[in-house]
Amino acid sequence: MAALTRYARWQLGSRLKGGKTVVPFLAGTKLAVSPGMTGATGNIYCGLHEFEDMAFVLHGLRAGEQFLDVGANIGSYSVLAGGVVKARVLSFEPSPVTYEHLKENIRINDLGDSVTALNMAVGAAKGELRFTVGLDTTNHIVGQREQGVNSVAVEVVPLDEAAAGLSPVLMKVDVEGFETEVIRGATRTLASPSLLGILMELNGSGRRYGYDEQAVHGTLLAAGFMPALYEPFSRKLSLAAEKGLTGNTLYVRSAPALQERLKNAPRHHVNGVSF
């Protein structure tokens, strides 16, 4: 009922006010949100729009550690990692319009020293590709069968190059089907012994580029990662034997050490709920 109330309040208030509104997030952080921002408004309704995944980042990171946010959108994960945990963040957002929203959320949370945002896509090799415009959280690299759609040219960089010299502990990859290309350009990053967990969106969107996302799954297994489930209230990390490509998947390495880290993380609070 509380979530429904927040939904009704936002739907009415945002229409009456129009434009952008700065809303409270976790632990004193804020988000600048406009009507139609699907993921961002989910944070208003539910506190954390991807609760298990966001809780994993909050519990799995420590202050000063490195987080990679590939496909940052307006920066919900970047604000949680940089503003709540006080980790260091490298964020990638290809859409020029969305990138401006990301920079604003970095600015209003005074995260300029801890969050570095790059207006570029991540792929297998340096270059330039077309990126769709006006699709909010589903903007993506234009596929061969989508020529002629409203799009803009974006710079592409391999993750190994952009993150060279960094020791990431956690990484989130949400690139609407382009995950195969991200992984192809991240060989050294995946091999980094510091990297304990990856949140990867695998939902079949890779088909628009002709990719079999089971191949991504196989690459991560070969790199020593296993799919897992995380239950934030009990802090329980459970390895999963099989993975169906239905949405966000958590991949972890060194599960016992990671479980201990999750168990000992500080508690957080959202909408009266402690986790």
C-alpha atoms as a PDB file:
ATOM      1  CA  MET A   1       0.000   0.000   0.000  1.00  0.00           C
ATOM      2  CA  ALA A   2       2.861   2.368   0.754  1.00  0.00           C
ATOM      3  CA  ALA A   3       4.359   1.688  -2.688  1.00  0.00           C
ATOM      4  CA  LEU A   4       1.012   2.326  -4.344  1.00  0.00           C
ATOM      5  CA  THR A   5       0.736   5.595  -2.447  1.00  0.00           C
ATOM      6  CA  ARG A   6       4.194   6.663  -3.623  1.00  0.00           C
ATOM      7  CA  TYR A   7       3.214   5.684  -7.168  1.00  0.00           C
ATOM      8  CA  ALA A   8       0.038   7.782  -7.068  1.00  0.00           C
ATOM      9  CA  ARG A   9       1.840  10.737  -5.462  1.00  0.00           C
ATOM     10  CA  TRP A  10       4.575  10.685  -8.121  1.00  0.00           C
ATOM     11  CA  GLN A  11       2.188  10.274 -11.045  1.00  0.00           C
ATOM     12  CA  LEU A  12       0.064  13.209  -9.891  1.00  0.00           C
ATOM     13  CA  GLY A  13       2.836  15.436  -8.571  1.00  0.00           C
ATOM     14  CA  SER A  14       5.167  15.023 -11.528  1.00  0.00           C
ATOM     15  CA  ARG A  15       2.378  15.930 -13.947  1.00  0.00           C
ATOM     16  CA  LEU A  16       1.401  19.016 -11.995  1.00  0.00           C
ATOM     17  CA  LYS A  17       4.980  20.192 -11.573  1.00  0.00           C
ATOM     18  CA  GLY A  18       6.408  19.026 -14.896  1.00  0.00           C
ATOM     19  CA  GLY A  19      10.093  18.633 -15.598  1.00  0.00           C
ATOM     20  CA  LYS A  20      12.713  17.248 -13.248  1.00  0.00           C
ATOM     21  CA  THR A  21      12.369  16.568  -9.523  1.00  0.00           C
ATOM     22  CA  VAL A  22      15.135  15.814  -7.034  1.00  0.00           C
ATOM     23  CA  VAL A  23      13.965  12.962  -4.786  1.00  0.00           C
ATOM     24  CA  PRO A  24      15.608  11.331  -1.738  1.00  0.00           C
ATOM     25  CA  PHE A  25      17.416   8.034  -2.290  1.00  0.00           C
ATOM     26  CA  LEU A  26      19.405   6.015   0.282  1.00  0.00           C
ATOM     27  CA  ALA A  27      21.523   7.331   3.156  1.00  0.00           C
ATOM     28  CA  GLY A  28      21.163  10.991   2.256  1.00  0.00           C
ATOM     29  CA  THR A  29      21.774  10.549  -1.475  1.00  0.00           C
ATOM     30  CA  LYS A  30      19.423  11.984  -4.103  1.00  0.00           C
ATOM     31  CA  LEU A  31      18.283  11.317  -7.648  1.00  0.00           C
ATOM     32  CA  ALA A  32      17.122  13.856 -10.226  1.00  0.00           C
ATOM     33  CA  VAL A  33      14.137  12.150 -11.877  1.00  0.00           C
ATOM     34  CA  SER A  34      11.840  13.151 -14.728  1.00  0.00           C
ATOM     35  CA  PRO A  35       8.508  11.553 -15.734  1.00  0.00           C
ATOM     36  CA  GLY A  36       9.061   8.567 -18.028  1.00  0.00           C
ATOM     37  CA  MET A  37      12.376   7.458 -16.492  1.00  0.00           C
ATOM     38  CA  THR A  38      11.273   3.864 -15.963  1.00  0.00           C
ATOM     39  CA  GLY A  39      14.140   2.581 -13.844  1.00  0.00           C
ATOM     40  CA  ALA A  40      14.560   5.777 -11.846  1.00  0.00           C
ATOM     41  CA  THR A  41      10.878   6.068 -10.971  1.00  0.00           C
ATOM     42  CA  GLY A  42      10.976   2.432  -9.838  1.00  0.00           C
ATOM     43  CA  ASN A  43      13.317   3.636  -7.086  1.00  0.00           C
ATOM     44  CA  ILE A  44      10.647   6.113  -5.975  1.00  0.00           C
ATOM     45  CA  TYR A  45       7.953   3.444  -5.798  1.00  0.00           C
ATOM     46  CA  CYS A  46       9.987   0.589  -4.298  1.00  0.00           C
ATOM     47  CA  GLY A  47      13.033   2.201  -2.709  1.00  0.00           C
ATOM     48  CA  LEU A  48      15.372   0.102  -4.869  1.00  0.00           C
ATOM     49  CA  HIS A  49      13.995  -0.821  -8.273  1.00  0.00           C
ATOM     50  CA  GLU A  50      16.216  -3.933  -8.532  1.00  0.00           C
ATOM     51  CA  PHE A  51      16.256  -4.844  -4.860  1.00  0.00           C
ATOM     52  CA  GLU A  52      18.333  -8.047  -4.762  1.00  0.00           C
ATOM     53  CA  ASP A  53      20.921  -6.759  -7.245  1.00  0.00           C
ATOM     54  CA  MET A  54      21.254  -3.334  -5.642  1.00  0.00           C
ATOM     55  CA  ALA A  55      21.438  -4.876  -2.181  1.00  0.00           C
ATOM     56  CA  PHE A  56      24.238  -7.133  -3.418  1.00  0.00           C
ATOM     57  CA  VAL A  57      26.224  -4.076  -4.510  1.00  0.00           C
ATOM     58  CA  LEU A  58      25.570  -2.331  -1.190  1.00  0.00           C
ATOM     59  CA  HIS A  59      26.601  -5.410   0.809  1.00  0.00           C
ATOM     60  CA  GLY A  60      29.419  -6.574  -1.445  1.00  0.00           C
ATOM     61  CA  LEU A  61      31.390  -3.350  -1.872  1.00  0.00           C
ATOM     62  CA  ARG A  62      33.532  -1.495   0.655  1.00  0.00           C
ATOM     63  CA  ALA A  63      34.654   2.123   0.819  1.00  0.00           C
ATOM     64  CA  GLY A  64      37.523   2.856  -1.548  1.00  0.00           C
ATOM     65  CA  GLU A  65      37.039  -0.258  -3.669  1.00  0.00           C
ATOM     66  CA  GLN A  66      36.385  -0.113  -7.414  1.00  0.00           C
ATOM     67  CA  PHE A  67      32.976  -0.606  -9.060  1.00  0.00           C
ATOM     68  CA  LEU A  68      32.429  -0.701 -12.838  1.00  0.00           C
ATOM     69  CA  ASP A  69      28.996   0.444 -14.031  1.00  0.00           C
ATOM     70  CA  VAL A  70      28.698  -0.510 -17.704  1.00  0.00           C
ATOM     71  CA  GLY A  71      25.435   0.907 -19.002  1.00  0.00           C
ATOM     72  CA  ALA A  72      24.909   3.319 -16.115  1.00  0.00           C
ATOM     73  CA  ASN A  73      21.777   5.054 -17.422  1.00  0.00           C
ATOM     74  CA  ILE A  74      21.042   7.982 -15.035  1.00  0.00           C
ATOM     75  CA  GLY A  75      23.303   6.469 -12.374  1.00  0.00           C
ATOM     76  CA  SER A  76      21.203   4.654  -9.754  1.00  0.00           C
ATOM     77  CA  TYR A  77      23.911   2.025  -9.216  1.00  0.00           C
ATOM     78  CA  SER A  78      26.710   4.588  -9.450  1.00  0.00           C
ATOM     79  CA  VAL A  79      25.093   6.729  -6.748  1.00  0.00           C
ATOM     80  CA  LEU A  80      24.601   3.698  -4.496  1.00  0.00           C
ATOM     81  CA  ALA A  81      28.214   2.570  -4.943  1.00  0.00           C
ATOM     82  CA  GLY A  82      29.823   5.995  -4.803  1.00  0.00           C
ATOM     83  CA  GLY A  83      27.452   7.892  -2.536  1.00  0.00           C
ATOM     84  CA  VAL A  84      26.300   5.251  -0.044  1.00  0.00           C
ATOM     85  CA  VAL A  85      29.217   2.785   0.083  1.00  0.00           C
ATOM     86  CA  LYS A  86      31.862   5.447  -0.725  1.00  0.00           C
ATOM     87  CA  ALA A  87      33.454   3.184  -3.336  1.00  0.00           C
ATOM     88  CA  ARG A  88      35.219   4.462  -6.441  1.00  0.00           C
ATOM     89  CA  VAL A  89      33.146   4.136  -9.611  1.00  0.00           C
ATOM     90  CA  LEU A  90      33.843   4.122 -13.334  1.00  0.00           C
ATOM     91  CA  SER A  91      30.558   4.590 -15.226  1.00  0.00           C
ATOM     92  CA  PHE A  92      29.814   4.243 -18.945  1.00  0.00           C
ATOM     93  CA  GLU A  93      26.720   5.722 -20.599  1.00  0.00           C
ATOM     94  CA  PRO A  94      26.598   6.058 -24.422  1.00  0.00           C
ATOM     95  CA  SER A  95      23.445   8.176 -24.815  1.00  0.00           C
ATOM     96  CA  PRO A  96      24.402  11.870 -24.797  1.00  0.00           C
ATOM     97  CA  VAL A  97      21.036  12.837 -23.278  1.00  0.00           C
ATOM     98  CA  THR A  98      21.136  10.167 -20.568  1.00  0.00           C
ATOM     99  CA  TYR A  99      24.785  10.965 -19.892  1.00  0.00           C
ATOM    100  CA  GLU A 100      23.761  14.514 -18.942  1.00  0.00           C
ATOM    101  CA  HIS A 101      21.298  13.056 -16.408  1.00  0.00           C
ATOM    102  CA  LEU A 102      24.074  10.817 -15.076  1.00  0.00           C
ATOM    103  CA  LYS A 103      26.391  13.800 -14.662  1.00  0.00           C
ATOM    104  CA  GLU A 104      23.657  15.728 -12.857  1.00  0.00           C
ATOM    105  CA  ASN A 105      23.167  12.914 -10.346  1.00  0.00           C
ATOM    106  CA  ILE A 106      26.913  12.824  -9.775  1.00  0.00           C
ATOM    107  CA  ARG A 107      26.871  16.592  -9.237  1.00  0.00           C
ATOM    108  CA  ILE A 108      23.906  16.833  -6.845  1.00  0.00           C
ATOM    109  CA  ASN A 109      25.472  14.099  -4.691  1.00  0.00           C
ATOM    110  CA  ASP A 110      28.900  15.769  -4.749  1.00  0.00           C
ATOM    111  CA  LEU A 111      30.504  12.609  -6.168  1.00  0.00           C
ATOM    112  CA  GLY A 112      32.900  14.237  -8.604  1.00  0.00           C
ATOM    113  CA  ASP A 113      35.927  12.884  -6.749  1.00  0.00           C
ATOM    114  CA  SER A 114      34.688   9.283  -6.538  1.00  0.00           C
ATOM    115  CA  VAL A 115      32.602   8.693  -9.695  1.00  0.00           C
ATOM    116  CA  THR A 116      34.131   9.041 -13.162  1.00  0.00           C
ATOM    117  CA  ALA A 117      31.549   9.041 -15.952  1.00  0.00           C
ATOM    118  CA  LEU A 118      32.412   8.389 -19.593  1.00  0.00           C
ATOM    119  CA  ASN A 119      30.053   9.224 -22.463  1.00  0.00           C
ATOM    120  CA  MET A 120      30.850   6.125 -24.499  1.00  0.00           C
ATOM    121  CA  ALA A 121      29.772   2.560 -25.173  1.00  0.00           C
ATOM    122  CA  VAL A 122      31.804  -0.500 -24.216  1.00  0.00           C
ATOM    123  CA  GLY A 123      32.582  -3.137 -26.831  1.00  0.00           C
ATOM    124  CA  ALA A 124      35.181  -5.502 -28.217  1.00  0.00           C
ATOM    125  CA  ALA A 125      37.260  -2.871 -30.037  1.00  0.00           C
ATOM    126  CA  LYS A 126      37.672   0.887 -30.350  1.00  0.00           C
ATOM    127  CA  GLY A 127      35.501   2.551 -32.933  1.00  0.00           C
ATOM    128  CA  GLU A 128      32.157   4.231 -33.471  1.00  0.00           C
ATOM    129  CA  LEU A 129      28.610   2.821 -33.636  1.00  0.00           C
ATOM    130  CA  ARG A 130      25.059   4.129 -33.800  1.00  0.00           C
ATOM    131  CA  PHE A 131      23.005   4.260 -30.604  1.00  0.00           C
ATOM    132  CA  THR A 132      19.209   4.601 -30.450  1.00  0.00           C
ATOM    133  CA  VAL A 133      17.568   7.754 -29.115  1.00  0.00           C
ATOM    134  CA  GLY A 134      14.388   8.199 -27.058  1.00  0.00           C
ATOM    135  CA  LEU A 135      13.898   4.663 -25.686  1.00  0.00           C
ATOM    136  CA  ASP A 136      14.819   5.407 -22.049  1.00  0.00           C
ATOM    137  CA  THR A 137      16.256   2.281 -20.358  1.00  0.00           C
ATOM    138  CA  THR A 138      16.014   0.229 -23.585  1.00  0.00           C
ATOM    139  CA  ASN A 139      18.239   2.449 -25.740  1.00  0.00           C
ATOM    140  CA  HIS A 140      20.837   0.231 -27.419  1.00  0.00           C
ATOM    141  CA  ILE A 141      23.458  -0.133 -30.124  1.00  0.00           C
ATOM    142  CA  VAL A 142      21.663  -0.202 -33.481  1.00  0.00           C
ATOM    143  CA  GLY A 143      21.536  -3.686 -35.019  1.00  0.00           C
ATOM    144  CA  GLN A 144      21.886  -4.464 -38.728  1.00  0.00           C
ATOM    145  CA  ARG A 145      18.110  -4.860 -39.130  1.00  0.00           C
ATOM    146  CA  GLU A 146      17.406  -1.536 -37.424  1.00  0.00           C
ATOM    147  CA  GLN A 147      19.024   0.800 -39.931  1.00  0.00           C
ATOM    148  CA  GLY A 148      17.109   4.055 -40.276  1.00  0.00           C
ATOM    149  CA  VAL A 149      15.932   4.263 -36.654  1.00  0.00           C
ATOM    150  CA  ASN A 150      16.462   7.490 -34.749  1.00  0.00           C
ATOM    151  CA  SER A 151      20.056   7.228 -33.524  1.00  0.00           C
ATOM    152  CA  VAL A 152      23.271   9.062 -32.730  1.00  0.00           C
ATOM    153  CA  ALA A 153      26.938   8.177 -33.289  1.00  0.00           C
ATOM    154  CA  VAL A 154      28.745   7.062 -30.106  1.00  0.00           C
ATOM    155  CA  GLU A 155      32.355   6.217 -29.311  1.00  0.00           C
ATOM    156  CA  VAL A 156      33.122   2.601 -28.380  1.00  0.00           C
ATOM    157  CA  VAL A 157      36.005   1.489 -26.151  1.00  0.00           C
ATOM    158  CA  PRO A 158      37.066  -1.958 -24.841  1.00  0.00           C
ATOM    159  CA  LEU A 159      36.642  -2.344 -21.092  1.00  0.00           C
ATOM    160  CA  ASP A 160      40.213  -3.614 -20.745  1.00  0.00           C
ATOM    161  CA  GLU A 161      41.461  -0.319 -22.140  1.00  0.00           C
ATOM    162  CA  ALA A 162      39.126   1.996 -20.247  1.00  0.00           C
ATOM    163  CA  ALA A 163      39.661   0.189 -16.925  1.00  0.00           C
ATOM    164  CA  ALA A 164      43.391  -0.452 -17.345  1.00  0.00           C
ATOM    165  CA  GLY A 165      45.206  -0.208 -14.035  1.00  0.00           C
ATOM    166  CA  LEU A 166      42.027  -0.565 -11.967  1.00  0.00           C
ATOM    167  CA  SER A 167      41.204  -3.445  -9.610  1.00  0.00           C
ATOM    168  CA  PRO A 168      37.422  -3.783  -9.747  1.00  0.00           C
ATOM    169  CA  VAL A 169      35.665  -5.770  -7.030  1.00  0.00           C
ATOM    170  CA  LEU A 170      32.181  -5.717  -8.559  1.00  0.00           C
ATOM    171  CA  MET A 171      30.859  -4.939 -12.016  1.00  0.00           C
ATOM    172  CA  LYS A 172      27.409  -4.343 -13.478  1.00  0.00           C
ATOM    173  CA  VAL A 173      26.775  -4.829 -17.212  1.00  0.00           C
ATOM    174  CA  ASP A 174      23.386  -3.759 -18.597  1.00  0.00           C
ATOM    175  CA  VAL A 175      23.731  -2.973 -22.302  1.00  0.00           C
ATOM    176  CA  GLU A 176      20.529  -4.302 -23.892  1.00  0.00           C
ATOM    177  CA  GLY A 177      21.958  -7.266 -25.788  1.00  0.00           C
ATOM    178  CA  PHE A 178      25.490  -5.963 -26.420  1.00  0.00           C
ATOM    179  CA  GLU A 179      26.909  -7.978 -23.506  1.00  0.00           C
ATOM    180  CA  THR A 180      28.745 -10.351 -25.873  1.00  0.00           C
ATOM    181  CA  GLU A 181      30.827  -7.471 -27.237  1.00  0.00           C
ATOM    182  CA  VAL A 182      31.490  -6.107 -23.740  1.00  0.00           C
ATOM    183  CA  ILE A 183      32.843  -9.485 -22.594  1.00  0.00           C
ATOM    184  CA  ARG A 184      34.989  -9.862 -25.724  1.00  0.00           C
ATOM    185  CA  GLY A 185      36.763  -6.653 -24.795  1.00  0.00           C
ATOM    186  CA  ALA A 186      37.122  -7.514 -21.102  1.00  0.00           C
ATOM    187  CA  THR A 187      39.524 -10.481 -21.016  1.00  0.00           C
ATOM    188  CA  ARG A 188      41.986  -8.878 -18.606  1.00  0.00           C
ATOM    189  CA  THR A 189      39.210  -7.423 -16.474  1.00  0.00           C
ATOM    190  CA  LEU A 190      37.597 -10.847 -16.036  1.00  0.00           C
ATOM    191  CA  ALA A 191      40.964 -12.340 -15.115  1.00  0.00           C
ATOM    192  CA  SER A 192      41.607  -9.755 -12.414  1.00  0.00           C
ATOM    193  CA  PRO A 193      41.811 -11.578  -9.044  1.00  0.00           C
ATOM    194  CA  SER A 194      40.097  -8.632  -7.370  1.00  0.00           C
ATOM    195  CA  LEU A 195      36.855  -9.165  -9.321  1.00  0.00           C
ATOM    196  CA  LEU A 196      34.432 -11.115  -7.116  1.00  0.00           C
ATOM    197  CA  GLY A 197      31.045 -10.522  -8.718  1.00  0.00           C
ATOM    198  CA  ILE A 198      29.341  -9.489 -11.963  1.00  0.00           C
ATOM    199  CA  LEU A 199      25.723  -8.450 -12.431  1.00  0.00           C
ATOM    200  CA  MET A 200      24.912  -9.245 -16.053  1.00  0.00           C
ATOM    201  CA  GLU A 201      21.668  -8.680 -17.934  1.00  0.00           C
ATOM    202  CA  LEU A 202      21.055 -11.722 -20.175  1.00  0.00           C
ATOM    203  CA  ASN A 203      17.474 -11.695 -21.414  1.00  0.00           C
ATOM    204  CA  GLY A 204      17.733 -12.705 -25.069  1.00  0.00           C
ATOM    205  CA  SER A 205      18.267  -9.156 -26.385  1.00  0.00           C
ATOM    206  CA  GLY A 206      21.521 -10.328 -27.961  1.00  0.00           C
ATOM    207  CA  ARG A 207      19.468 -11.910 -30.736  1.00  0.00           C
ATOM    208  CA  ARG A 208      19.138  -8.509 -32.394  1.00  0.00           C
ATOM    209  CA  TYR A 209      22.883  -8.743 -33.095  1.00  0.00           C
ATOM    210  CA  GLY A 210      22.876 -12.468 -33.881  1.00  0.00           C
ATOM    211  CA  TYR A 211      24.491 -13.447 -30.551  1.00  0.00           C
ATOM    212  CA  ASP A 212      23.838 -16.580 -28.541  1.00  0.00           C
ATOM    213  CA  GLU A 213      23.931 -15.355 -24.941  1.00  0.00           C
ATOM    214  CA  GLN A 214      24.658 -18.866 -23.692  1.00  0.00           C
ATOM    215  CA  ALA A 215      28.140 -18.212 -25.079  1.00  0.00           C
ATOM    216  CA  VAL A 216      28.523 -15.313 -22.618  1.00  0.00           C
ATOM    217  CA  HIS A 217      27.449 -17.666 -19.855  1.00  0.00           C
ATOM    218  CA  GLY A 218      30.105 -20.154 -20.976  1.00  0.00           C
ATOM    219  CA  THR A 219      32.805 -17.476 -21.080  1.00  0.00           C
ATOM    220  CA  LEU A 220      32.042 -16.428 -17.519  1.00  0.00           C
ATOM    221  CA  LEU A 221      32.098 -20.039 -16.330  1.00  0.00           C
ATOM    222  CA  ALA A 222      35.485 -20.503 -17.993  1.00  0.00           C
ATOM    223  CA  ALA A 223      36.743 -17.390 -16.188  1.00  0.00           C
ATOM    224  CA  GLY A 224      35.872 -18.982 -12.851  1.00  0.00           C
ATOM    225  CA  PHE A 225      32.476 -17.397 -12.196  1.00  0.00           C
ATOM    226  CA  MET A 226      29.300 -19.244 -11.214  1.00  0.00           C
ATOM    227  CA  PRO A 227      25.691 -18.030 -11.375  1.00  0.00           C
ATOM    228  CA  ALA A 228      24.250 -17.348  -7.945  1.00  0.00           C
ATOM    229  CA  LEU A 229      21.222 -16.032  -6.091  1.00  0.00           C
ATOM    230  CA  TYR A 230      21.423 -13.477  -3.289  1.00  0.00           C
ATOM    231  CA  GLU A 231      18.823 -13.047  -0.544  1.00  0.00           C
ATOM    232  CA  PRO A 232      19.491  -9.635   1.077  1.00  0.00           C
ATOM    233  CA  PHE A 233      17.612 -10.109   4.361  1.00  0.00           C
ATOM    234  CA  SER A 234      19.354 -13.350   5.327  1.00  0.00           C
ATOM    235  CA  ARG A 235      22.582 -12.278   3.524  1.00  0.00           C
ATOM    236  CA  LYS A 236      22.612 -15.751   1.954  1.00  0.00           C
ATOM    237  CA  LEU A 237      24.502 -16.375  -1.288  1.00  0.00           C
ATOM    238  CA  SER A 238      23.457 -19.579  -3.076  1.00  0.00           C
ATOM    239  CA  LEU A 239      25.177 -21.000  -6.135  1.00  0.00           C
ATOM    240  CA  ALA A 240      22.787 -21.897  -8.960  1.00  0.00           C
ATOM    241  CA  ALA A 241      23.425 -25.034 -11.021  1.00  0.00           C
ATOM    242  CA  GLU A 242      21.676 -23.769 -14.144  1.00  0.00           C
ATOM    243  CA  LYS A 243      20.909 -20.378 -15.640  1.00  0.00           C
ATOM    244  CA  GLY A 244      17.907 -19.524 -17.751  1.00  0.00           C
ATOM    245  CA  LEU A 245      18.338 -16.324 -19.736  1.00  0.00           C
ATOM    246  CA  THR A 246      15.425 -14.468 -18.165  1.00  0.00           C
ATOM    247  CA  GLY A 247      16.948 -11.265 -16.815  1.00  0.00           C
ATOM    248  CA  ASN A 248      19.698 -10.021 -14.547  1.00  0.00           C
ATOM    249  CA  THR A 249      22.082 -12.757 -13.436  1.00  0.00           C
ATOM    250  CA  LEU A 250      24.595 -12.582 -10.636  1.00  0.00           C
ATOM    251  CA  TYR A 251      27.925 -14.323 -11.306  1.00  0.00           C
ATOM    252  CA  VAL A 252      30.343 -14.774  -8.399  1.00  0.00           C
ATOM    253  CA  ARG A 253      33.874 -15.998  -7.813  1.00  0.00           C
ATOM    254  CA  SER A 254      35.426 -17.052  -4.479  1.00  0.00           C
ATOM    255  CA  ALA A 255      31.956 -17.624  -3.026  1.00  0.00           C
ATOM    256  CA  PRO A 256      33.019 -18.432   0.585  1.00  0.00           C
ATOM    257  CA  ALA A 257      35.060 -15.226   0.909  1.00  0.00           C
ATOM    258  CA  LEU A 258      32.292 -13.240  -0.748  1.00  0.00           C
ATOM    259  CA  GLN A 259      29.670 -14.769   1.566  1.00  0.00           C
ATOM    260  CA  GLU A 260      31.676 -13.633   4.590  1.00  0.00           C
ATOM    261  CA  ARG A 261      31.970 -10.147   3.128  1.00  0.00           C
ATOM    262  CA  LEU A 262      28.212  -9.966   2.508  1.00  0.00           C
ATOM    263  CA  LYS A 263      27.442 -11.191   6.003  1.00  0.00           C
ATOM    264  CA  ASN A 264      29.603  -8.528   7.649  1.00  0.00           C
ATOM    265  CA  ALA A 265      28.435  -5.546   5.599  1.00  0.00           C
ATOM    266  CA  PRO A 266      26.711  -2.617   7.346  1.00  0.00           C
ATOM    267  CA  ARG A 267      22.921  -2.564   7.344  1.00  0.00           C
ATOM    268  CA  HIS A 268      21.005  -0.205   5.101  1.00  0.00           C
ATOM    269  CA  HIS A 269      17.494   1.194   5.339  1.00  0.00           C
ATOM    270  CA  VAL A 270      14.897   2.076   2.711  1.00  0.00           C
ATOM    271  CA  ASN A 271      11.218   2.958   3.214  1.00  0.00           C
ATOM    272  CA  GLY A 272      11.330   1.710   6.795  1.00  0.00           C
ATOM    273  CA  VAL A 273      12.874  -1.634   5.827  1.00  0.00           C
ATOM    274  CA  SER A 274      16.290  -2.689   7.150  1.00  0.00           C
ATOM    275  CA  PHE A 275      18.454  -5.136   5.184  1.00  0.00           C
END
